[in-house]
Amino acid sequence: MPKKFSRRTLLLRSLQIPMAGGVIAALGACDSDSRDALVCADPGSMSSAQESVRRTLKYTEVSSDSARACVACEFFYPAKDGGAGCGTCGIFSGEPVNPQGHCDSWSVDS
């Protein structure tokens, strides 16, 4: 004898399948964003002093406020090729920084 599904079970299943698909799609999108993000500061190639300065100034590769990103800071120098690649920072002794990054020494370019 075939098993019968109640209306409640059928409705529950019809909601669970699209929700699971949405979760899987969202996780896939998060993963691709993190792979495509520009990372300029490689801790493995820095001296302990350089790492310490970045940590002290709370440098992040992506600013939480786009108006206060490195690209708009007076200490930021764009990439020599003029592209959207990593620039350098006067505060970090000319070491690479992400144009969309931020640190506590951010200053308006006058």
N, C-alpha and C. Protein backbone atom coordinates (compact mmCIF):
# COMPACT_ATOMS: atom_id res chain seq x y z
N MET A 1 0.84 -1.17 0.00
CA MET A 1 0.00 0.00 0.00
C MET A 1 0.89 1.25 0.00
N PRO A 2 0.67 2.16 -0.94
CA PRO A 2 1.52 3.35 -1.02
C PRO A 2 1.29 4.27 0.18
N LYS A 3 2.39 4.92 0.57
CA LYS A 3 2.33 5.86 1.69
C LYS A 3 1.67 7.15 1.23
N LYS A 4 0.75 7.66 2.01
CA LYS A 4 0.06 8.91 1.67
C LYS A 4 0.71 10.07 2.41
N PHE A 5 0.82 11.20 1.72
CA PHE A 5 1.35 12.41 2.33
C PHE A 5 0.19 13.30 2.72
N SER A 6 0.30 13.88 3.90
CA SER A 6 -0.73 14.83 4.31
C SER A 6 -0.48 16.17 3.61
N ARG A 7 -1.46 16.99 3.61
CA ARG A 7 -1.32 18.31 3.00
C ARG A 7 -0.23 19.11 3.72
N ARG A 8 -0.15 18.97 5.02
CA ARG A 8 0.85 19.68 5.82
C ARG A 8 2.26 19.25 5.42
N THR A 9 2.47 17.96 5.25
CA THR A 9 3.78 17.44 4.84
C THR A 9 4.14 17.93 3.45
N LEU A 10 3.19 17.92 2.55
CA LEU A 10 3.43 18.38 1.19
C LEU A 10 3.82 19.87 1.17
N LEU A 11 3.12 20.70 1.94
CA LEU A 11 3.45 22.12 2.02
C LEU A 11 4.83 22.34 2.63
N LEU A 12 5.13 21.58 3.68
CA LEU A 12 6.43 21.71 4.33
C LEU A 12 7.56 21.36 3.36
N ARG A 13 7.41 20.28 2.63
CA ARG A 13 8.44 19.85 1.65
C ARG A 13 8.58 20.88 0.52
N SER A 14 7.47 21.46 0.11
CA SER A 14 7.53 22.43 -0.98
C SER A 14 8.24 23.72 -0.55
N LEU A 15 8.32 23.99 0.74
CA LEU A 15 9.05 25.15 1.23
C LEU A 15 10.52 24.82 1.51
N GLN A 16 10.80 23.61 1.94
CA GLN A 16 12.16 23.24 2.29
C GLN A 16 13.09 23.18 1.08
N ILE A 17 12.63 22.68 -0.03
CA ILE A 17 13.49 22.51 -1.21
C ILE A 17 13.97 23.87 -1.75
N PRO A 18 13.09 24.86 -1.97
CA PRO A 18 13.60 26.16 -2.46
C PRO A 18 14.51 26.85 -1.44
N MET A 19 14.22 26.69 -0.16
CA MET A 19 15.06 27.31 0.87
C MET A 19 16.46 26.71 0.84
N ALA A 20 16.56 25.41 0.69
CA ALA A 20 17.87 24.75 0.63
C ALA A 20 18.64 25.23 -0.59
N GLY A 21 17.95 25.37 -1.72
CA GLY A 21 18.60 25.88 -2.92
C GLY A 21 19.11 27.30 -2.73
N GLY A 22 18.33 28.13 -2.05
CA GLY A 22 18.75 29.50 -1.78
C GLY A 22 19.98 29.56 -0.89
N VAL A 23 20.04 28.70 0.12
CA VAL A 23 21.20 28.66 1.01
C VAL A 23 22.44 28.24 0.23
N ILE A 24 22.32 27.24 -0.60
CA ILE A 24 23.45 26.76 -1.39
C ILE A 24 23.93 27.86 -2.35
N ALA A 25 23.01 28.56 -2.99
CA ALA A 25 23.39 29.65 -3.90
C ALA A 25 24.09 30.78 -3.15
N ALA A 26 23.59 31.12 -1.96
CA ALA A 26 24.21 32.19 -1.17
C ALA A 26 25.62 31.80 -0.74
N LEU A 27 25.81 30.57 -0.33
CA LEU A 27 27.15 30.13 0.06
C LEU A 27 28.10 30.15 -1.12
N GLY A 28 27.62 29.79 -2.28
CA GLY A 28 28.45 29.84 -3.48
C GLY A 28 28.86 31.26 -3.83
N ALA A 29 27.97 32.20 -3.65
CA ALA A 29 28.28 33.60 -3.95
C ALA A 29 29.30 34.14 -2.97
N CYS A 30 29.21 33.79 -1.70
CA CYS A 30 30.18 34.24 -0.71
C CYS A 30 31.56 33.72 -1.05
N ASP A 31 31.64 32.48 -1.47
CA ASP A 31 32.92 31.88 -1.79
C ASP A 31 33.56 32.57 -2.98
N SER A 32 32.81 32.89 -4.01
CA SER A 32 33.39 33.53 -5.19
C SER A 32 33.83 34.96 -4.88
N ASP A 33 33.12 35.67 -4.00
CA ASP A 33 33.54 37.02 -3.63
C ASP A 33 34.88 37.00 -2.93
N SER A 34 35.09 36.05 -2.05
CA SER A 34 36.34 36.01 -1.31
C SER A 34 37.50 35.63 -2.21
N ARG A 35 37.27 34.84 -3.24
CA ARG A 35 38.35 34.48 -4.17
C ARG A 35 38.72 35.64 -5.06
N ASP A 36 37.75 36.48 -5.42
CA ASP A 36 37.99 37.58 -6.34
C ASP A 36 38.51 38.83 -5.66
N ALA A 37 38.50 38.88 -4.34
CA ALA A 37 38.92 40.06 -3.61
C ALA A 37 40.42 40.31 -3.81
N LEU A 38 40.80 41.56 -3.98
CA LEU A 38 42.18 41.96 -4.15
C LEU A 38 42.86 41.95 -2.79
N VAL A 39 43.92 41.18 -2.66
CA VAL A 39 44.68 41.13 -1.41
C VAL A 39 46.08 41.65 -1.71
N CYS A 40 46.43 42.76 -1.07
CA CYS A 40 47.72 43.41 -1.35
C CYS A 40 48.76 43.15 -0.28
N ALA A 41 48.34 42.99 0.95
CA ALA A 41 49.26 42.82 2.06
C ALA A 41 49.45 41.34 2.37
N ASP A 42 50.61 40.80 2.03
CA ASP A 42 50.91 39.40 2.29
C ASP A 42 51.72 39.31 3.58
N PRO A 43 51.09 38.89 4.69
CA PRO A 43 51.81 38.81 5.96
C PRO A 43 53.06 37.93 5.91
N GLY A 44 53.07 36.94 5.02
CA GLY A 44 54.22 36.05 4.92
C GLY A 44 55.47 36.73 4.39
N SER A 45 55.32 37.83 3.66
CA SER A 45 56.48 38.52 3.09
C SER A 45 56.87 39.77 3.87
N MET A 46 56.19 40.05 4.99
CA MET A 46 56.47 41.25 5.78
C MET A 46 57.38 40.93 6.96
N SER A 47 58.12 41.95 7.36
CA SER A 47 58.91 41.80 8.60
C SER A 47 57.96 41.93 9.78
N SER A 48 58.42 41.57 10.95
CA SER A 48 57.55 41.67 12.13
C SER A 48 57.23 43.14 12.43
N ALA A 49 58.14 44.06 12.12
CA ALA A 49 57.89 45.48 12.34
C ALA A 49 56.77 45.97 11.42
N GLN A 50 56.80 45.54 10.15
CA GLN A 50 55.75 45.95 9.22
C GLN A 50 54.40 45.40 9.64
N GLU A 51 54.37 44.14 10.07
CA GLU A 51 53.11 43.56 10.55
C GLU A 51 52.61 44.31 11.77
N SER A 52 53.52 44.68 12.66
CA SER A 52 53.15 45.38 13.89
C SER A 52 52.52 46.74 13.59
N VAL A 53 53.09 47.47 12.62
CA VAL A 53 52.53 48.78 12.26
C VAL A 53 51.12 48.61 11.70
N ARG A 54 50.93 47.63 10.83
CA ARG A 54 49.59 47.39 10.26
C ARG A 54 48.59 46.99 11.34
N ARG A 55 49.03 46.15 12.26
CA ARG A 55 48.15 45.72 13.34
C ARG A 55 47.80 46.90 14.24
N THR A 56 48.79 47.71 14.59
CA THR A 56 48.58 48.87 15.47
C THR A 56 47.61 49.87 14.84
N LEU A 57 47.74 50.09 13.53
CA LEU A 57 46.87 51.04 12.84
C LEU A 57 45.58 50.41 12.34
N LYS A 58 45.37 49.12 12.67
CA LYS A 58 44.15 48.38 12.33
C LYS A 58 43.86 48.41 10.82
N TYR A 59 44.90 48.13 10.03
CA TYR A 59 44.73 48.08 8.58
C TYR A 59 43.83 46.92 8.20
N THR A 60 42.90 47.18 7.28
CA THR A 60 42.05 46.13 6.72
C THR A 60 42.10 46.25 5.20
N GLU A 61 41.98 45.13 4.52
CA GLU A 61 42.03 45.11 3.06
C GLU A 61 40.80 45.75 2.43
N VAL A 62 39.68 45.77 3.14
CA VAL A 62 38.45 46.38 2.62
C VAL A 62 37.86 47.27 3.70
N SER A 63 37.70 48.55 3.37
CA SER A 63 37.15 49.52 4.32
C SER A 63 35.66 49.29 4.53
N SER A 64 35.21 49.49 5.75
CA SER A 64 33.77 49.38 6.03
C SER A 64 33.03 50.63 5.55
N ASP A 65 33.77 51.72 5.30
CA ASP A 65 33.20 52.97 4.81
C ASP A 65 33.90 53.34 3.51
N SER A 66 33.22 53.18 2.38
CA SER A 66 33.86 53.41 1.08
C SER A 66 34.37 54.84 0.91
N ALA A 67 33.82 55.80 1.65
CA ALA A 67 34.28 57.18 1.56
C ALA A 67 35.63 57.37 2.26
N ARG A 68 36.00 56.41 3.11
CA ARG A 68 37.27 56.50 3.84
C ARG A 68 38.21 55.35 3.43
N ALA A 69 38.24 55.04 2.16
CA ALA A 69 39.13 54.00 1.65
C ALA A 69 40.50 54.60 1.35
N CYS A 70 41.51 53.75 1.28
CA CYS A 70 42.89 54.19 1.03
C CYS A 70 43.01 55.06 -0.21
N VAL A 71 42.25 54.76 -1.24
CA VAL A 71 42.35 55.49 -2.50
C VAL A 71 42.07 56.99 -2.30
N ALA A 72 41.35 57.38 -1.26
CA ALA A 72 41.03 58.78 -1.00
C ALA A 72 41.91 59.39 0.10
N CYS A 73 42.93 58.67 0.52
CA CYS A 73 43.81 59.12 1.61
C CYS A 73 45.02 59.85 1.03
N GLU A 74 45.51 60.86 1.75
CA GLU A 74 46.67 61.61 1.26
C GLU A 74 47.96 60.81 1.29
N PHE A 75 48.01 59.71 2.03
CA PHE A 75 49.22 58.88 2.10
C PHE A 75 49.25 57.78 1.03
N PHE A 76 48.17 57.66 0.26
CA PHE A 76 48.06 56.60 -0.76
C PHE A 76 48.66 57.05 -2.08
N TYR A 77 49.42 56.15 -2.70
CA TYR A 77 49.99 56.38 -4.03
C TYR A 77 49.49 55.26 -4.94
N PRO A 78 48.79 55.61 -6.03
CA PRO A 78 48.23 54.58 -6.90
C PRO A 78 49.31 53.72 -7.56
N ALA A 79 48.88 52.59 -8.08
CA ALA A 79 49.79 51.68 -8.78
C ALA A 79 50.44 52.43 -9.94
N LYS A 80 51.70 52.13 -10.20
CA LYS A 80 52.44 52.84 -11.25
C LYS A 80 51.83 52.66 -12.63
N ASP A 81 51.19 51.52 -12.87
CA ASP A 81 50.57 51.28 -14.18
C ASP A 81 49.23 51.98 -14.33
N GLY A 82 48.75 52.63 -13.26
CA GLY A 82 47.50 53.37 -13.32
C GLY A 82 46.26 52.49 -13.25
N GLY A 83 46.45 51.19 -13.09
CA GLY A 83 45.32 50.27 -13.02
C GLY A 83 44.67 50.26 -11.65
N ALA A 84 43.79 49.32 -11.48
CA ALA A 84 43.06 49.20 -10.22
C ALA A 84 43.78 48.27 -9.25
N GLY A 85 45.05 48.01 -9.48
CA GLY A 85 45.82 47.11 -8.62
C GLY A 85 46.20 47.77 -7.31
N CYS A 86 47.09 47.11 -6.62
CA CYS A 86 47.55 47.59 -5.31
C CYS A 86 48.35 48.88 -5.48
N GLY A 87 48.12 49.81 -4.57
CA GLY A 87 48.91 51.03 -4.51
C GLY A 87 49.91 50.88 -3.37
N THR A 88 50.53 51.97 -2.99
CA THR A 88 51.45 51.95 -1.86
C THR A 88 51.04 53.02 -0.87
N CYS A 89 51.57 52.93 0.34
CA CYS A 89 51.20 53.85 1.42
C CYS A 89 52.44 54.45 2.06
N GLY A 90 52.43 55.77 2.22
CA GLY A 90 53.52 56.46 2.89
C GLY A 90 53.65 56.07 4.35
N ILE A 91 52.55 55.80 5.02
CA ILE A 91 52.57 55.39 6.43
C ILE A 91 53.26 54.04 6.59
N PHE A 92 53.07 53.16 5.61
CA PHE A 92 53.64 51.82 5.67
C PHE A 92 54.95 51.73 4.89
N SER A 93 55.69 52.82 4.82
CA SER A 93 57.00 52.88 4.17
C SER A 93 56.96 52.41 2.72
N GLY A 94 55.91 52.76 2.01
CA GLY A 94 55.81 52.40 0.60
C GLY A 94 55.41 50.96 0.34
N GLU A 95 54.95 50.26 1.35
CA GLU A 95 54.50 48.88 1.18
C GLU A 95 53.13 48.88 0.50
N PRO A 96 52.78 47.77 -0.17
CA PRO A 96 51.50 47.73 -0.89
C PRO A 96 50.28 47.76 0.02
N VAL A 97 49.26 48.45 -0.46
CA VAL A 97 47.96 48.49 0.22
C VAL A 97 46.85 48.38 -0.82
N ASN A 98 45.72 47.92 -0.38
CA ASN A 98 44.55 47.79 -1.24
C ASN A 98 43.91 49.17 -1.38
N PRO A 99 43.59 49.62 -2.61
CA PRO A 99 42.92 50.92 -2.77
C PRO A 99 41.61 51.00 -1.99
N GLN A 100 40.97 49.86 -1.75
CA GLN A 100 39.71 49.84 -1.00
C GLN A 100 39.93 49.55 0.48
N GLY A 101 41.20 49.53 0.93
CA GLY A 101 41.54 49.26 2.32
C GLY A 101 41.32 50.46 3.22
N HIS A 102 41.71 50.32 4.48
CA HIS A 102 41.55 51.41 5.45
C HIS A 102 42.45 51.14 6.65
N CYS A 103 42.92 52.22 7.28
CA CYS A 103 43.63 52.12 8.57
C CYS A 103 43.26 53.32 9.41
N ASP A 104 43.66 53.31 10.68
CA ASP A 104 43.31 54.39 11.59
C ASP A 104 44.03 55.70 11.28
N SER A 105 45.05 55.69 10.46
CA SER A 105 45.77 56.93 10.11
C SER A 105 45.24 57.54 8.81
N TRP A 106 44.07 57.13 8.38
CA TRP A 106 43.48 57.66 7.16
C TRP A 106 43.34 59.17 7.28
N SER A 107 43.71 59.89 6.24
CA SER A 107 43.67 61.34 6.26
C SER A 107 43.15 61.85 4.93
N VAL A 108 42.35 62.90 4.96
CA VAL A 108 41.77 63.46 3.73
C VAL A 108 42.89 64.00 2.85
N ASP A 109 42.82 63.67 1.58
CA ASP A 109 43.76 64.18 0.59
C ASP A 109 43.40 65.63 0.32
N SER A 110 44.32 66.54 0.68
CA SER A 110 44.02 67.96 0.49
C SER A 110 44.58 68.55 -0.76
